[in-house]
Amino acid sequence: MHQYYTGFVKEEWDVAAAYVADRVEEEDLLLFNGTWVQIPFDYYFRRYDLRVAEHGAPVDLFDRGVLEPKMAASDLPRLHDLISGRERVWLVYSHNWYTDPENLIPSALAQELRLLDRRQFNGLEVRLYGIR
């Protein structure tokens, strides 16, 4: 039990939110795999008082009535609609082994946008995609 409290390393939602807040632009889209990923990210991101569009993939938070809906090929048309016309899209990607095991989200983003930046934080990754 002592090891849990002394050796535990928490997911770095606060650091990731600060990183995005420092670089995000008003017209950007924040995209979250696994709708629950938005909850801890937004907890820290809201302190920056930035107005940026946010959506989940495959669906927005609680829209499917499931906390962790899995991304499927049938969800790709919605994803393409969300990113259509966007110059920059941030992907906040965490626990994708469960919610996006086929890596459908990054593959779809790479079809329309170029990967501009990729940062690893403990427990999550943040990717910035932009126009080609």
Protein backbone atom coordinates (compact mmCIF):
# COMPACT_ATOMS: atom_id res chain seq x y z
CA MET A 1 0.00 0.00 0.00
CA HIS A 2 2.85 2.39 0.82
CA GLN A 3 4.26 1.92 -2.70
CA TYR A 4 0.95 3.03 -4.22
CA TYR A 5 1.08 6.37 -2.43
CA THR A 6 4.79 7.01 -2.79
CA GLY A 7 5.40 5.59 -6.27
CA PHE A 8 2.17 6.48 -8.04
CA VAL A 9 2.58 8.73 -11.07
CA LYS A 10 -0.67 10.37 -12.13
CA GLU A 11 -1.75 11.09 -15.66
CA GLU A 12 -0.56 14.55 -16.70
CA TRP A 13 -3.85 16.15 -17.70
CA ASP A 14 -2.79 19.45 -16.16
CA VAL A 15 0.48 19.59 -18.10
CA ALA A 16 -1.22 18.59 -21.36
CA ALA A 17 -3.97 21.20 -20.89
CA ALA A 18 -1.36 23.90 -20.26
CA TYR A 19 0.56 22.82 -23.36
CA VAL A 20 -2.52 23.05 -25.57
CA ALA A 21 -3.73 26.30 -23.97
CA ASP A 22 -0.41 27.92 -24.77
CA ARG A 23 -0.62 26.95 -28.47
CA VAL A 24 -4.29 26.66 -29.38
CA GLU A 25 -5.92 29.12 -31.77
CA GLU A 26 -9.54 30.28 -31.67
CA GLU A 27 -10.58 28.43 -34.85
CA ASP A 28 -8.97 25.14 -33.80
CA LEU A 29 -10.90 22.00 -32.93
CA LEU A 30 -10.13 19.92 -29.85
CA LEU A 31 -10.98 16.30 -30.55
CA PHE A 32 -11.09 13.65 -27.83
CA ASN A 33 -11.00 9.91 -28.36
CA GLY A 34 -13.06 8.19 -25.74
CA THR A 35 -15.55 10.74 -24.53
CA TRP A 36 -14.48 10.44 -20.89
CA VAL A 37 -11.04 11.80 -21.89
CA GLN A 38 -12.62 15.24 -22.17
CA ILE A 39 -13.56 15.34 -18.48
CA PRO A 40 -10.06 15.42 -16.90
CA PHE A 41 -8.64 17.53 -19.75
CA ASP A 42 -11.38 20.16 -19.43
CA TYR A 43 -11.00 20.25 -15.65
CA TYR A 44 -7.59 21.87 -16.18
CA PHE A 45 -8.16 23.52 -19.56
CA ARG A 46 -11.10 25.66 -18.38
CA ARG A 47 -8.84 27.66 -16.08
CA TYR A 48 -7.40 29.30 -19.21
CA ASP A 49 -10.84 30.63 -20.21
CA LEU A 50 -10.36 29.88 -23.91
CA ARG A 51 -13.27 29.41 -26.29
CA VAL A 52 -12.43 26.51 -28.58
CA ALA A 53 -14.74 23.98 -30.24
CA GLU A 54 -14.57 20.56 -28.58
CA HIS A 55 -15.97 17.23 -29.79
CA GLY A 56 -15.58 13.58 -29.00
CA ALA A 57 -14.91 10.72 -31.35
CA PRO A 58 -16.86 8.64 -31.96
CA VAL A 59 -19.50 10.82 -30.27
CA ASP A 60 -19.72 13.77 -27.91
CA LEU A 61 -19.78 13.16 -24.18
CA PHE A 62 -22.72 10.96 -23.12
CA ASP A 63 -24.42 11.14 -26.58
CA ARG A 64 -24.39 7.37 -26.89
CA GLY A 65 -25.27 6.71 -23.26
CA VAL A 66 -21.98 4.87 -22.80
CA LEU A 67 -19.00 6.33 -20.97
CA GLU A 68 -16.38 4.76 -23.24
CA PRO A 69 -17.86 4.06 -26.68
CA LYS A 70 -15.48 2.40 -29.12
CA MET A 71 -14.63 4.02 -32.42
CA ALA A 72 -15.92 2.04 -35.40
CA ALA A 73 -15.67 2.44 -39.15
CA SER A 74 -19.32 3.48 -39.14
CA ASP A 75 -18.30 6.55 -37.07
CA LEU A 76 -15.87 7.84 -39.69
CA PRO A 77 -18.37 9.95 -41.70
CA ARG A 78 -19.13 12.01 -38.57
CA LEU A 79 -15.43 12.43 -37.88
CA HIS A 80 -14.80 13.62 -41.43
CA ASP A 81 -17.67 16.10 -41.06
CA LEU A 82 -16.15 17.44 -37.82
CA ILE A 83 -12.73 18.06 -39.34
CA SER A 84 -13.92 19.22 -42.75
CA GLY A 85 -12.78 22.78 -43.42
CA ARG A 86 -10.62 22.93 -40.29
CA GLU A 87 -7.09 24.21 -40.65
CA ARG A 88 -5.97 22.77 -37.30
CA VAL A 89 -7.24 19.90 -35.19
CA TRP A 90 -5.86 18.85 -31.81
CA LEU A 91 -6.31 15.20 -30.89
CA VAL A 92 -6.21 14.41 -27.19
CA TYR A 93 -5.55 10.67 -27.27
CA SER A 94 -5.65 8.45 -24.18
CA HIS A 95 -6.43 4.81 -23.47
CA ASN A 96 -6.85 4.32 -27.20
CA TRP A 97 -6.02 0.62 -26.82
CA TYR A 98 -9.63 0.34 -25.63
CA THR A 99 -11.58 3.14 -27.33
CA ASP A 100 -9.78 3.16 -30.70
CA PRO A 101 -7.92 -0.16 -30.97
CA GLU A 102 -7.70 0.07 -34.77
CA ASN A 103 -6.32 3.64 -34.67
CA LEU A 104 -9.17 4.84 -36.88
CA ILE A 105 -9.05 8.41 -35.56
CA PRO A 106 -5.39 9.20 -36.37
CA SER A 107 -5.73 7.41 -39.72
CA ALA A 108 -8.76 9.52 -40.66
CA LEU A 109 -7.03 12.73 -39.57
CA ALA A 110 -3.92 11.82 -41.58
CA GLN A 111 -6.05 11.44 -44.73
CA GLU A 112 -7.04 15.10 -44.63
CA LEU A 113 -4.41 16.83 -42.49
CA ARG A 114 -0.70 16.64 -41.81
CA LEU A 115 0.72 15.76 -38.39
CA LEU A 116 2.42 18.96 -37.20
CA ASP A 117 3.23 18.12 -33.57
CA ARG A 118 3.05 15.13 -31.26
CA ARG A 119 3.72 15.29 -27.51
CA GLN A 120 3.67 12.49 -24.97
CA PHE A 121 2.50 13.12 -21.43
CA ASN A 122 2.10 10.50 -18.75
CA GLY A 123 -1.12 8.68 -19.60
CA LEU A 124 -1.95 10.58 -22.79
CA GLU A 125 -0.73 12.01 -26.03
CA VAL A 126 -1.56 15.29 -27.74
CA ARG A 127 -1.29 15.58 -31.51
CA LEU A 128 -1.73 18.64 -33.65
CA TYR A 129 -2.86 18.15 -37.25
CA GLY A 130 -2.95 20.92 -39.82
CA ILE A 131 -3.68 21.58 -43.46
CA ARG A 132 -1.32 20.05 -45.98
